[in-house]
């Protein structure tokens, strides 16, 4: 069994702080490429999972049986190596107002 701090080389946070929300979607940049440059087993397993479909950070933690904090550090390494792309969730402030959506729906119904 490998200690978690050795997987992350003692790091507790990814370099890109705040980049990996629990529902951020992670995909492999090169899904057809099967050879990874000098990566640890954990990095390779995360990359392999992301090749099939976009997965959230929470799903990656579940599938790899690793704490989300460790997964975030490993994802930071993969992002730094430009092996993954991350799609962050839309902040609530950028979503349209519910009242506006209701007005649009009512206007469409009136047509």
PDB file of N, CA and C in Angstrom:
ATOM      1  N   UNK A   1       0.843  -1.180   0.000  1.00  0.00           N
ATOM      2  CA  UNK A   1       0.000   0.000   0.000  1.00  0.00           C
ATOM      3  C   UNK A   1       0.890   1.246   0.000  1.00  0.00           C
ATOM      4  N   UNK A   2       0.570   2.152  -0.862  1.00  0.00           N
ATOM      5  CA  UNK A   2       1.327   3.399  -0.973  1.00  0.00           C
ATOM      6  C   UNK A   2       0.639   4.461  -0.126  1.00  0.00           C
ATOM      7  N   UNK A   3       1.402   5.149   0.658  1.00  0.00           N
ATOM      8  CA  UNK A   3       0.843   6.228   1.473  1.00  0.00           C
ATOM      9  C   UNK A   3       0.415   7.377   0.565  1.00  0.00           C
ATOM     10  N   UNK A   4      -0.702   7.992   0.940  1.00  0.00           N
ATOM     11  CA  UNK A   4      -1.265   9.056   0.102  1.00  0.00           C
ATOM     12  C   UNK A   4      -0.307  10.229  -0.063  1.00  0.00           C
ATOM     13  N   UNK A   5       0.417  10.592   0.991  1.00  0.00           N
ATOM     14  CA  UNK A   5       1.320  11.739   0.868  1.00  0.00           C
ATOM     15  C   UNK A   5       2.471  11.453  -0.082  1.00  0.00           C
ATOM     16  N   UNK A   6       2.799  10.176  -0.273  1.00  0.00           N
ATOM     17  CA  UNK A   6       3.870   9.868  -1.227  1.00  0.00           C
ATOM     18  C   UNK A   6       3.368   9.969  -2.668  1.00  0.00           C
ATOM     19  N   UNK A   7       2.067   9.717  -2.880  1.00  0.00           N
ATOM     20  CA  UNK A   7       1.489   9.881  -4.221  1.00  0.00           C
ATOM     21  C   UNK A   7       1.547  11.336  -4.659  1.00  0.00           C
ATOM     22  N   UNK A   8       1.326  12.217  -3.711  1.00  0.00           N
ATOM     23  CA  UNK A   8       1.286  13.648  -4.033  1.00  0.00           C
ATOM     24  C   UNK A   8       2.615  14.338  -3.748  1.00  0.00           C
ATOM     25  N   UNK A   9       3.602  13.551  -3.360  1.00  0.00           N
ATOM     26  CA  UNK A   9       4.935  14.072  -3.014  1.00  0.00           C
ATOM     27  C   UNK A   9       4.853  15.137  -1.918  1.00  0.00           C
ATOM     28  N   UNK A  10       3.964  14.889  -0.971  1.00  0.00           N
ATOM     29  CA  UNK A  10       3.813  15.782   0.174  1.00  0.00           C
ATOM     30  C   UNK A  10       2.947  16.999  -0.063  1.00  0.00           C
ATOM     31  N   UNK A  11       2.470  17.178  -1.287  1.00  0.00           N
ATOM     32  CA  UNK A  11       1.635  18.351  -1.596  1.00  0.00           C
ATOM     33  C   UNK A  11       0.209  18.108  -1.117  1.00  0.00           C
ATOM     34  N   UNK A  12      -0.428  19.143  -0.659  1.00  0.00           N
ATOM     35  CA  UNK A  12      -1.803  19.020  -0.184  1.00  0.00           C
ATOM     36  C   UNK A  12      -2.798  19.737  -1.078  1.00  0.00           C
ATOM     37  N   UNK A  13      -2.300  20.557  -1.997  1.00  0.00           N
ATOM     38  CA  UNK A  13      -3.178  21.307  -2.904  1.00  0.00           C
ATOM     39  C   UNK A  13      -2.587  21.313  -4.298  1.00  0.00           C
ATOM     40  N   UNK A  14      -3.457  21.336  -5.311  1.00  0.00           N
ATOM     41  CA  UNK A  14      -2.935  21.461  -6.679  1.00  0.00           C
ATOM     42  C   UNK A  14      -2.393  22.863  -6.915  1.00  0.00           C
ATOM     43  N   UNK A  15      -1.560  22.980  -7.917  1.00  0.00           N
ATOM     44  CA  UNK A  15      -0.996  24.290  -8.265  1.00  0.00           C
ATOM     45  C   UNK A  15      -2.114  25.251  -8.654  1.00  0.00           C
ATOM     46  N   UNK A  16      -3.066  24.764  -9.441  1.00  0.00           N
ATOM     47  CA  UNK A  16      -4.205  25.586  -9.882  1.00  0.00           C
ATOM     48  C   UNK A  16      -5.288  25.540  -8.807  1.00  0.00           C
ATOM     49  N   UNK A  17      -5.174  26.350  -7.797  1.00  0.00           N
ATOM     50  CA  UNK A  17      -6.124  26.368  -6.690  1.00  0.00           C
ATOM     51  C   UNK A  17      -7.511  26.772  -7.191  1.00  0.00           C
ATOM     52  N   UNK A  18      -8.532  26.033  -6.813  1.00  0.00           N
ATOM     53  CA  UNK A  18      -9.899  26.336  -7.197  1.00  0.00           C
ATOM     54  C   UNK A  18     -10.293  25.855  -8.579  1.00  0.00           C
ATOM     55  N   UNK A  19      -9.390  25.199  -9.274  1.00  0.00           N
ATOM     56  CA  UNK A  19      -9.667  24.744 -10.637  1.00  0.00           C
ATOM     57  C   UNK A  19     -10.511  23.472 -10.650  1.00  0.00           C
ATOM     58  N   UNK A  20     -10.405  22.673  -9.605  1.00  0.00           N
ATOM     59  CA  UNK A  20     -11.023  21.353  -9.614  1.00  0.00           C
ATOM     60  C   UNK A  20     -12.181  21.270  -8.626  1.00  0.00           C
ATOM     61  N   UNK A  21     -13.289  21.877  -9.005  1.00  0.00           N
ATOM     62  CA  UNK A  21     -14.520  21.762  -8.243  1.00  0.00           C
ATOM     63  C   UNK A  21     -14.984  20.310  -8.318  1.00  0.00           C
ATOM     64  N   UNK A  22     -15.782  19.867  -7.361  1.00  0.00           N
ATOM     65  CA  UNK A  22     -16.245  18.473  -7.369  1.00  0.00           C
ATOM     66  C   UNK A  22     -16.972  18.094  -8.650  1.00  0.00           C
ATOM     67  N   UNK A  23     -17.659  19.063  -9.260  1.00  0.00           N
ATOM     68  CA  UNK A  23     -18.421  18.739 -10.467  1.00  0.00           C
ATOM     69  C   UNK A  23     -17.741  19.208 -11.752  1.00  0.00           C
ATOM     70  N   UNK A  24     -16.498  19.666 -11.649  1.00  0.00           N
ATOM     71  CA  UNK A  24     -15.734  20.000 -12.860  1.00  0.00           C
ATOM     72  C   UNK A  24     -15.529  18.735 -13.678  1.00  0.00           C
ATOM     73  N   UNK A  25     -15.691  18.844 -14.992  1.00  0.00           N
ATOM     74  CA  UNK A  25     -15.522  17.680 -15.863  1.00  0.00           C
ATOM     75  C   UNK A  25     -14.108  17.628 -16.411  1.00  0.00           C
ATOM     76  N   UNK A  26     -13.536  16.442 -16.372  1.00  0.00           N
ATOM     77  CA  UNK A  26     -12.156  16.234 -16.802  1.00  0.00           C
ATOM     78  C   UNK A  26     -12.154  15.300 -18.004  1.00  0.00           C
ATOM     79  N   UNK A  27     -11.448  15.685 -19.059  1.00  0.00           N
ATOM     80  CA  UNK A  27     -11.296  14.834 -20.241  1.00  0.00           C
ATOM     81  C   UNK A  27      -9.822  14.771 -20.626  1.00  0.00           C
ATOM     82  N   UNK A  28      -9.457  13.681 -21.264  1.00  0.00           N
ATOM     83  CA  UNK A  28      -8.091  13.539 -21.767  1.00  0.00           C
ATOM     84  C   UNK A  28      -7.950  14.381 -23.025  1.00  0.00           C
ATOM     85  N   UNK A  29      -6.838  15.082 -23.154  1.00  0.00           N
ATOM     86  CA  UNK A  29      -6.607  15.931 -24.325  1.00  0.00           C
ATOM     87  C   UNK A  29      -6.409  15.074 -25.567  1.00  0.00           C
ATOM     88  N   UNK A  30      -5.691  13.976 -25.432  1.00  0.00           N
ATOM     89  CA  UNK A  30      -5.429  13.062 -26.546  1.00  0.00           C
ATOM     90  C   UNK A  30      -6.039  11.699 -26.217  1.00  0.00           C
ATOM     91  N   UNK A  31      -7.347  11.512 -26.462  1.00  0.00           N
ATOM     92  CA  UNK A  31      -8.008  10.274 -26.044  1.00  0.00           C
ATOM     93  C   UNK A  31      -7.516   9.018 -26.756  1.00  0.00           C
ATOM     94  N   UNK A  32      -6.934   9.157 -27.935  1.00  0.00           N
ATOM     95  CA  UNK A  32      -6.477   7.979 -28.671  1.00  0.00           C
ATOM     96  C   UNK A  32      -5.060   7.566 -28.299  1.00  0.00           C
ATOM     97  N   UNK A  33      -4.344   8.444 -27.653  1.00  0.00           N
ATOM     98  CA  UNK A  33      -2.954   8.174 -27.296  1.00  0.00           C
ATOM     99  C   UNK A  33      -2.915   7.275 -26.058  1.00  0.00           C
ATOM    100  N   UNK A  34      -2.179   6.175 -26.141  1.00  0.00           N
ATOM    101  CA  UNK A  34      -2.141   5.248 -25.015  1.00  0.00           C
ATOM    102  C   UNK A  34      -0.845   5.310 -24.231  1.00  0.00           C
ATOM    103  N   UNK A  35       0.181   5.916 -24.772  1.00  0.00           N
ATOM    104  CA  UNK A  35       1.448   6.010 -24.052  1.00  0.00           C
ATOM    105  C   UNK A  35       1.533   7.337 -23.323  1.00  0.00           C
ATOM    106  N   UNK A  36       1.834   7.259 -22.047  1.00  0.00           N
ATOM    107  CA  UNK A  36       1.986   8.462 -21.246  1.00  0.00           C
ATOM    108  C   UNK A  36       3.460   8.643 -20.910  1.00  0.00           C
ATOM    109  N   UNK A  37       3.919   9.866 -20.927  1.00  0.00           N
ATOM    110  CA  UNK A  37       5.296  10.108 -20.494  1.00  0.00           C
ATOM    111  C   UNK A  37       5.411   9.826 -18.996  1.00  0.00           C
ATOM    112  N   UNK A  38       6.490   9.378 -18.561  1.00  0.00           N
ATOM    113  CA  UNK A  38       6.832   9.055 -17.165  1.00  0.00           C
ATOM    114  C   UNK A  38       5.784   9.470 -16.129  1.00  0.00           C
ATOM    115  N   UNK A  39       4.690   8.733 -16.083  1.00  0.00           N
ATOM    116  CA  UNK A  39       3.648   9.019 -15.106  1.00  0.00           C
ATOM    117  C   UNK A  39       3.560   7.890 -14.094  1.00  0.00           C
ATOM    118  N   UNK A  40       3.148   8.243 -12.891  1.00  0.00           N
ATOM    119  CA  UNK A  40       2.912   7.236 -11.866  1.00  0.00           C
ATOM    120  C   UNK A  40       1.653   6.450 -12.211  1.00  0.00           C
ATOM    121  N   UNK A  41       1.476   5.337 -11.537  1.00  0.00           N
ATOM    122  CA  UNK A  41       0.319   4.474 -11.766  1.00  0.00           C
ATOM    123  C   UNK A  41      -0.992   5.232 -11.555  1.00  0.00           C
ATOM    124  N   UNK A  42      -1.056   6.052 -10.523  1.00  0.00           N
ATOM    125  CA  UNK A  42      -2.290   6.783 -10.221  1.00  0.00           C
ATOM    126  C   UNK A  42      -2.614   7.795 -11.316  1.00  0.00           C
ATOM    127  N   UNK A  43      -1.584   8.488 -11.807  1.00  0.00           N
ATOM    128  CA  UNK A  43      -1.790   9.429 -12.914  1.00  0.00           C
ATOM    129  C   UNK A  43      -2.307   8.683 -14.145  1.00  0.00           C
ATOM    130  N   UNK A  44      -1.713   7.550 -14.445  1.00  0.00           N
ATOM    131  CA  UNK A  44      -2.120   6.772 -15.622  1.00  0.00           C
ATOM    132  C   UNK A  44      -3.549   6.263 -15.484  1.00  0.00           C
ATOM    133  N   UNK A  45      -3.938   5.841 -14.287  1.00  0.00           N
ATOM    134  CA  UNK A  45      -5.300   5.332 -14.122  1.00  0.00           C
ATOM    135  C   UNK A  45      -6.327   6.447 -14.285  1.00  0.00           C
ATOM    136  N   UNK A  46      -6.030   7.641 -13.774  1.00  0.00           N
ATOM    137  CA  UNK A  46      -6.940   8.779 -13.963  1.00  0.00           C
ATOM    138  C   UNK A  46      -7.037   9.128 -15.443  1.00  0.00           C
ATOM    139  N   UNK A  47      -5.912   9.159 -16.112  1.00  0.00           N
ATOM    140  CA  UNK A  47      -5.891   9.487 -17.537  1.00  0.00           C
ATOM    141  C   UNK A  47      -6.658   8.448 -18.351  1.00  0.00           C
ATOM    142  N   UNK A  48      -6.516   7.183 -18.004  1.00  0.00           N
ATOM    143  CA  UNK A  48      -7.235   6.120 -18.715  1.00  0.00           C
ATOM    144  C   UNK A  48      -8.744   6.270 -18.538  1.00  0.00           C
ATOM    145  N   UNK A  49      -9.182   6.618 -17.344  1.00  0.00           N
ATOM    146  CA  UNK A  49     -10.613   6.811 -17.101  1.00  0.00           C
ATOM    147  C   UNK A  49     -11.160   7.987 -17.901  1.00  0.00           C
ATOM    148  N   UNK A  50     -10.367   9.045 -18.028  1.00  0.00           N
ATOM    149  CA  UNK A  50     -10.817  10.254 -18.729  1.00  0.00           C
ATOM    150  C   UNK A  50     -10.803  10.090 -20.240  1.00  0.00           C
ATOM    151  N   UNK A  51     -10.198   9.038 -20.735  1.00  0.00           N
ATOM    152  CA  UNK A  51     -10.160   8.827 -22.188  1.00  0.00           C
ATOM    153  C   UNK A  51     -11.507   8.352 -22.724  1.00  0.00           C
ATOM    154  N   UNK A  52     -12.273   7.665 -21.915  1.00  0.00           N
ATOM    155  CA  UNK A  52     -13.530   7.079 -22.386  1.00  0.00           C
ATOM    156  C   UNK A  52     -14.677   8.078 -22.410  1.00  0.00           C
ATOM    157  N   UNK A  53     -14.734   8.931 -21.403  1.00  0.00           N
ATOM    158  CA  UNK A  53     -15.808   9.916 -21.302  1.00  0.00           C
ATOM    159  C   UNK A  53     -15.402  10.982 -20.291  1.00  0.00           C
ATOM    160  N   UNK A  54     -15.990  12.162 -20.392  1.00  0.00           N
ATOM    161  CA  UNK A  54     -15.702  13.183 -19.376  1.00  0.00           C
ATOM    162  C   UNK A  54     -16.206  12.704 -18.014  1.00  0.00           C
ATOM    163  N   UNK A  55     -15.395  12.873 -16.998  1.00  0.00           N
ATOM    164  CA  UNK A  55     -15.770  12.469 -15.644  1.00  0.00           C
ATOM    165  C   UNK A  55     -15.563  13.639 -14.692  1.00  0.00           C
ATOM    166  N   UNK A  56     -16.412  13.710 -13.690  1.00  0.00           N
ATOM    167  CA  UNK A  56     -16.249  14.755 -12.685  1.00  0.00           C
ATOM    168  C   UNK A  56     -15.129  14.373 -11.725  1.00  0.00           C
ATOM    169  N   UNK A  57     -14.651  15.350 -11.001  1.00  0.00           N
ATOM    170  CA  UNK A  57     -13.598  15.113 -10.014  1.00  0.00           C
ATOM    171  C   UNK A  57     -14.095  14.123  -8.962  1.00  0.00           C
ATOM    172  N   UNK A  58     -15.351  14.256  -8.559  1.00  0.00           N
ATOM    173  CA  UNK A  58     -15.922  13.337  -7.572  1.00  0.00           C
ATOM    174  C   UNK A  58     -15.962  11.904  -8.108  1.00  0.00           C
ATOM    175  N   UNK A  59     -16.344  11.736  -9.368  1.00  0.00           N
ATOM    176  CA  UNK A  59     -16.369  10.399  -9.966  1.00  0.00           C
ATOM    177  C   UNK A  59     -14.973   9.796 -10.029  1.00  0.00           C
ATOM    178  N   UNK A  60     -13.990  10.605 -10.379  1.00  0.00           N
ATOM    179  CA  UNK A  60     -12.614  10.110 -10.438  1.00  0.00           C
ATOM    180  C   UNK A  60     -12.149   9.642  -9.066  1.00  0.00           C
ATOM    181  N   UNK A  61     -12.525  10.370  -8.029  1.00  0.00           N
ATOM    182  CA  UNK A  61     -12.188   9.942  -6.675  1.00  0.00           C
ATOM    183  C   UNK A  61     -12.819   8.608  -6.338  1.00  0.00           C
ATOM    184  N   UNK A  62     -14.058   8.442  -6.754  1.00  0.00           N
ATOM    185  CA  UNK A  62     -14.763   7.188  -6.493  1.00  0.00           C
ATOM    186  C   UNK A  62     -14.166   6.027  -7.277  1.00  0.00           C
ATOM    187  N   UNK A  63     -13.934   6.228  -8.558  1.00  0.00           N
ATOM    188  CA  UNK A  63     -13.411   5.149  -9.406  1.00  0.00           C
ATOM    189  C   UNK A  63     -11.986   4.741  -9.039  1.00  0.00           C
ATOM    190  N   UNK A  64     -11.185   5.691  -8.585  1.00  0.00           N
ATOM    191  CA  UNK A  64      -9.799   5.372  -8.234  1.00  0.00           C
ATOM    192  C   UNK A  64      -9.648   4.987  -6.768  1.00  0.00           C
ATOM    193  N   UNK A  65     -10.728   5.143  -6.000  1.00  0.00           N
ATOM    194  CA  UNK A  65     -10.714   4.838  -4.569  1.00  0.00           C
ATOM    195  C   UNK A  65      -9.681   5.696  -3.828  1.00  0.00           C
ATOM    196  N   UNK A  66      -9.576   6.946  -4.266  1.00  0.00           N
ATOM    197  CA  UNK A  66      -8.653   7.902  -3.644  1.00  0.00           C
ATOM    198  C   UNK A  66      -9.457   9.080  -3.097  1.00  0.00           C
ATOM    199  N   UNK A  67      -8.979   9.706  -2.034  1.00  0.00           N
ATOM    200  CA  UNK A  67      -9.652  10.914  -1.545  1.00  0.00           C
ATOM    201  C   UNK A  67      -9.627  12.013  -2.613  1.00  0.00           C
ATOM    202  N   UNK A  68     -10.659  12.820  -2.637  1.00  0.00           N
ATOM    203  CA  UNK A  68     -10.765  13.882  -3.636  1.00  0.00           C
ATOM    204  C   UNK A  68      -9.584  14.846  -3.535  1.00  0.00           C
ATOM    205  N   UNK A  69      -9.096  15.089  -2.334  1.00  0.00           N
ATOM    206  CA  UNK A  69      -7.953  15.998  -2.185  1.00  0.00           C
ATOM    207  C   UNK A  69      -6.720  15.464  -2.910  1.00  0.00           C
ATOM    208  N   UNK A  70      -6.519  14.164  -2.880  1.00  0.00           N
ATOM    209  CA  UNK A  70      -5.392  13.550  -3.591  1.00  0.00           C
ATOM    210  C   UNK A  70      -5.637  13.606  -5.092  1.00  0.00           C
ATOM    211  N   UNK A  71      -6.867  13.319  -5.504  1.00  0.00           N
ATOM    212  CA  UNK A  71      -7.210  13.362  -6.930  1.00  0.00           C
ATOM    213  C   UNK A  71      -6.976  14.766  -7.480  1.00  0.00           C
ATOM    214  N   UNK A  72      -7.307  15.790  -6.717  1.00  0.00           N
ATOM    215  CA  UNK A  72      -7.100  17.169  -7.174  1.00  0.00           C
ATOM    216  C   UNK A  72      -5.622  17.466  -7.410  1.00  0.00           C
ATOM    217  N   UNK A  73      -4.766  16.983  -6.527  1.00  0.00           N
ATOM    218  CA  UNK A  73      -3.325  17.205  -6.704  1.00  0.00           C
ATOM    219  C   UNK A  73      -2.836  16.477  -7.955  1.00  0.00           C
ATOM    220  N   UNK A  74      -3.286  15.232  -8.143  1.00  0.00           N
ATOM    221  CA  UNK A  74      -2.877  14.459  -9.318  1.00  0.00           C
ATOM    222  C   UNK A  74      -3.404  15.100 -10.602  1.00  0.00           C
ATOM    223  N   UNK A  75      -4.630  15.616 -10.557  1.00  0.00           N
ATOM    224  CA  UNK A  75      -5.185  16.309 -11.720  1.00  0.00           C
ATOM    225  C   UNK A  75      -4.388  17.573 -12.031  1.00  0.00           C
ATOM    226  N   UNK A  76      -3.926  18.251 -11.001  1.00  0.00           N
ATOM    227  CA  UNK A  76      -3.087  19.429 -11.213  1.00  0.00           C
ATOM    228  C   UNK A  76      -1.815  19.080 -11.969  1.00  0.00           C
ATOM    229  N   UNK A  77      -1.233  17.924 -11.640  1.00  0.00           N
ATOM    230  CA  UNK A  77      -0.043  17.462 -12.364  1.00  0.00           C
ATOM    231  C   UNK A  77      -0.366  17.195 -13.827  1.00  0.00           C
ATOM    232  N   UNK A  78      -1.500  16.521 -14.065  1.00  0.00           N
ATOM    233  CA  UNK A  78      -1.894  16.191 -15.440  1.00  0.00           C
ATOM    234  C   UNK A  78      -2.235  17.448 -16.236  1.00  0.00           C
ATOM    235  N   UNK A  79      -2.856  18.420 -15.587  1.00  0.00           N
ATOM    236  CA  UNK A  79      -3.179  19.681 -16.261  1.00  0.00           C
ATOM    237  C   UNK A  79      -1.897  20.439 -16.605  1.00  0.00           C
ATOM    238  N   UNK A  80      -0.956  20.446 -15.678  1.00  0.00           N
ATOM    239  CA  UNK A  80       0.329  21.114 -15.917  1.00  0.00           C
ATOM    240  C   UNK A  80       1.073  20.465 -17.089  1.00  0.00           C
ATOM    241  N   UNK A  81       0.927  19.142 -17.235  1.00  0.00           N
ATOM    242  CA  UNK A  81       1.569  18.421 -18.341  1.00  0.00           C
ATOM    243  C   UNK A  81       0.746  18.501 -19.626  1.00  0.00           C
ATOM    244  N   UNK A  82      -0.382  19.228 -19.579  1.00  0.00           N
ATOM    245  CA  UNK A  82      -1.281  19.411 -20.728  1.00  0.00           C
ATOM    246  C   UNK A  82      -1.817  18.084 -21.256  1.00  0.00           C
ATOM    247  N   UNK A  83      -2.125  17.161 -20.335  1.00  0.00           N
ATOM    248  CA  UNK A  83      -2.676  15.862 -20.718  1.00  0.00           C
ATOM    249  C   UNK A  83      -4.183  15.795 -20.516  1.00  0.00           C
ATOM    250  N   UNK A  84      -4.746  16.755 -19.777  1.00  0.00           N
ATOM    251  CA  UNK A  84      -6.189  16.795 -19.552  1.00  0.00           C
ATOM    252  C   UNK A  84      -6.715  18.202 -19.820  1.00  0.00           C
ATOM    253  N   UNK A  85      -8.021  18.264 -20.043  1.00  0.00           N
ATOM    254  CA  UNK A  85      -8.731  19.541 -20.141  1.00  0.00           C
ATOM    255  C   UNK A  85      -9.814  19.531 -19.072  1.00  0.00           C
ATOM    256  N   UNK A  86     -10.064  20.677 -18.472  1.00  0.00           N
ATOM    257  CA  UNK A  86     -11.034  20.773 -17.385  1.00  0.00           C
ATOM    258  C   UNK A  86     -12.121  21.760 -17.775  1.00  0.00           C
ATOM    259  N   UNK A  87     -13.368  21.325 -17.658  1.00  0.00           N
ATOM    260  CA  UNK A  87     -14.516  22.192 -17.894  1.00  0.00           C
ATOM    261  C   UNK A  87     -15.140  22.487 -16.543  1.00  0.00           C
ATOM    262  N   UNK A  88     -15.043  23.735 -16.145  1.00  0.00           N
ATOM    263  CA  UNK A  88     -15.560  24.110 -14.834  1.00  0.00           C
ATOM    264  C   UNK A  88     -17.053  24.392 -14.914  1.00  0.00           C
ATOM    265  N   UNK A  89     -17.772  24.178 -13.809  1.00  0.00           N
ATOM    266  CA  UNK A  89     -19.212  24.459 -13.814  1.00  0.00           C
ATOM    267  C   UNK A  89     -19.475  25.954 -13.944  1.00  0.00           C
ATOM    268  N   UNK A  90     -20.628  26.275 -14.471  1.00  0.00           N
ATOM    269  CA  UNK A  90     -21.019  27.679 -14.622  1.00  0.00           C
ATOM    270  C   UNK A  90     -21.376  28.226 -13.243  1.00  0.00           C
ATOM    271  N   UNK A  91     -20.760  29.318 -12.830  1.00  0.00           N
ATOM    272  CA  UNK A  91     -21.123  29.912 -11.534  1.00  0.00           C
ATOM    273  C   UNK A  91     -22.575  30.372 -11.545  1.00  0.00           C
ATOM    274  N   UNK A  92     -23.213  30.295 -10.398  1.00  0.00           N
ATOM    275  CA  UNK A  92     -24.623  30.672 -10.309  1.00  0.00           C
ATOM    276  C   UNK A  92     -24.873  32.101 -10.752  1.00  0.00           C
ATOM    277  N   UNK A  93     -23.920  32.982 -10.540  1.00  0.00           N
ATOM    278  CA  UNK A  93     -24.104  34.386 -10.916  1.00  0.00           C
ATOM    279  C   UNK A  93     -24.221  34.550 -12.426  1.00  0.00           C
ATOM    280  N   UNK A  94     -23.731  33.593 -13.204  1.00  0.00           N
ATOM    281  CA  UNK A  94     -23.778  33.709 -14.654  1.00  0.00           C
ATOM    282  C   UNK A  94     -25.002  33.021 -15.258  1.00  0.00           C
ATOM    283  N   UNK A  95     -25.752  32.318 -14.447  1.00  0.00           N
ATOM    284  CA  UNK A  95     -26.962  31.681 -14.955  1.00  0.00           C
ATOM    285  C   UNK A  95     -28.049  32.739 -15.136  1.00  0.00           C
ATOM    286  N   UNK A  96     -28.939  32.537 -16.121  1.00  0.00           N
ATOM    287  CA  UNK A  96     -30.013  33.512 -16.315  1.00  0.00           C
ATOM    288  C   UNK A  96     -30.956  33.524 -15.110  1.00  0.00           C
ATOM    289  N   UNK A  97     -31.547  34.666 -14.885  1.00  0.00           N
ATOM    290  CA  UNK A  97     -32.487  34.829 -13.784  1.00  0.00           C
ATOM    291  C   UNK A  97     -33.720  33.963 -14.029  1.00  0.00           C
ATOM    292  N   UNK A  98     -34.232  33.344 -12.972  1.00  0.00           N
ATOM    293  CA  UNK A  98     -35.395  32.458 -13.092  1.00  0.00           C
ATOM    294  C   UNK A  98     -36.617  33.222 -13.608  1.00  0.00           C
ATOM    295  N   UNK A  99     -36.768  34.451 -13.173  1.00  0.00           N
ATOM    296  CA  UNK A  99     -37.907  35.264 -13.621  1.00  0.00           C
ATOM    297  C   UNK A  99     -37.846  35.502 -15.129  1.00  0.00           C
ATOM    298  N   UNK A 100     -36.640  35.755 -15.641  1.00  0.00           N
ATOM    299  CA  UNK A 100     -36.454  35.955 -17.075  1.00  0.00           C
ATOM    300  C   UNK A 100     -36.828  34.688 -17.844  1.00  0.00           C
ATOM    301  N   UNK A 101     -36.406  33.544 -17.334  1.00  0.00           N
ATOM    302  CA  UNK A 101     -36.742  32.283 -18.000  1.00  0.00           C
ATOM    303  C   UNK A 101     -38.247  32.042 -18.011  1.00  0.00           C
ATOM    304  N   UNK A 102     -38.912  32.357 -16.898  1.00  0.00           N
ATOM    305  CA  UNK A 102     -40.377  32.196 -16.849  1.00  0.00           C
ATOM    306  C   UNK A 102     -41.060  33.118 -17.869  1.00  0.00           C
ATOM    307  N   UNK A 103     -40.571  34.355 -17.977  1.00  0.00           N
ATOM    308  CA  UNK A 103     -41.142  35.296 -18.943  1.00  0.00           C
ATOM    309  C   UNK A 103     -40.955  34.791 -20.372  1.00  0.00           C
ATOM    310  N   UNK A 104     -39.794  34.219 -20.664  1.00  0.00           N
ATOM    311  CA  UNK A 104     -39.538  33.676 -22.004  1.00  0.00           C
ATOM    312  C   UNK A 104     -40.477  32.508 -22.278  1.00  0.00           C
ATOM    313  N   UNK A 105     -40.623  31.610 -21.318  1.00  0.00           N
ATOM    314  CA  UNK A 105     -41.518  30.457 -21.493  1.00  0.00           C
ATOM    315  C   UNK A 105     -42.953  30.926 -21.694  1.00  0.00           C
ATOM    316  N   UNK A 106     -43.396  31.873 -20.885  1.00  0.00           N
ATOM    317  CA  UNK A 106     -44.761  32.399 -21.030  1.00  0.00           C
ATOM    318  C   UNK A 106     -44.941  33.087 -22.378  1.00  0.00           C
ATOM    319  N   UNK A 107     -43.917  33.810 -22.829  1.00  0.00           N
ATOM    320  CA  UNK A 107     -43.984  34.452 -24.137  1.00  0.00           C
ATOM    321  C   UNK A 107     -44.068  33.434 -25.261  1.00  0.00           C
ATOM    322  N   UNK A 108     -43.324  32.345 -25.147  1.00  0.00           N
ATOM    323  CA  UNK A 108     -43.378  31.293 -26.165  1.00  0.00           C
ATOM    324  C   UNK A 108     -44.734  30.604 -26.175  1.00  0.00           C
ATOM    325  N   UNK A 109     -45.293  30.391 -25.014  1.00  0.00           N
ATOM    326  CA  UNK A 109     -46.626  29.772 -24.935  1.00  0.00           C
ATOM    327  C   UNK A 109     -47.691  30.671 -25.556  1.00  0.00           C
ATOM    328  N   UNK A 110     -47.499  31.976 -25.427  1.00  0.00           N
ATOM    329  CA  UNK A 110     -48.476  32.927 -25.964  1.00  0.00           C
ATOM    330  C   UNK A 110     -48.455  32.972 -27.489  1.00  0.00           C
ATOM    331  N   UNK A 111     -47.362  32.505 -28.096  1.00  0.00           N
ATOM    332  CA  UNK A 111     -47.288  32.524 -29.561  1.00  0.00           C
ATOM    333  C   UNK A 111     -48.254  31.582 -30.114  1.00  0.00           C
TER     334      UNK A 111
END
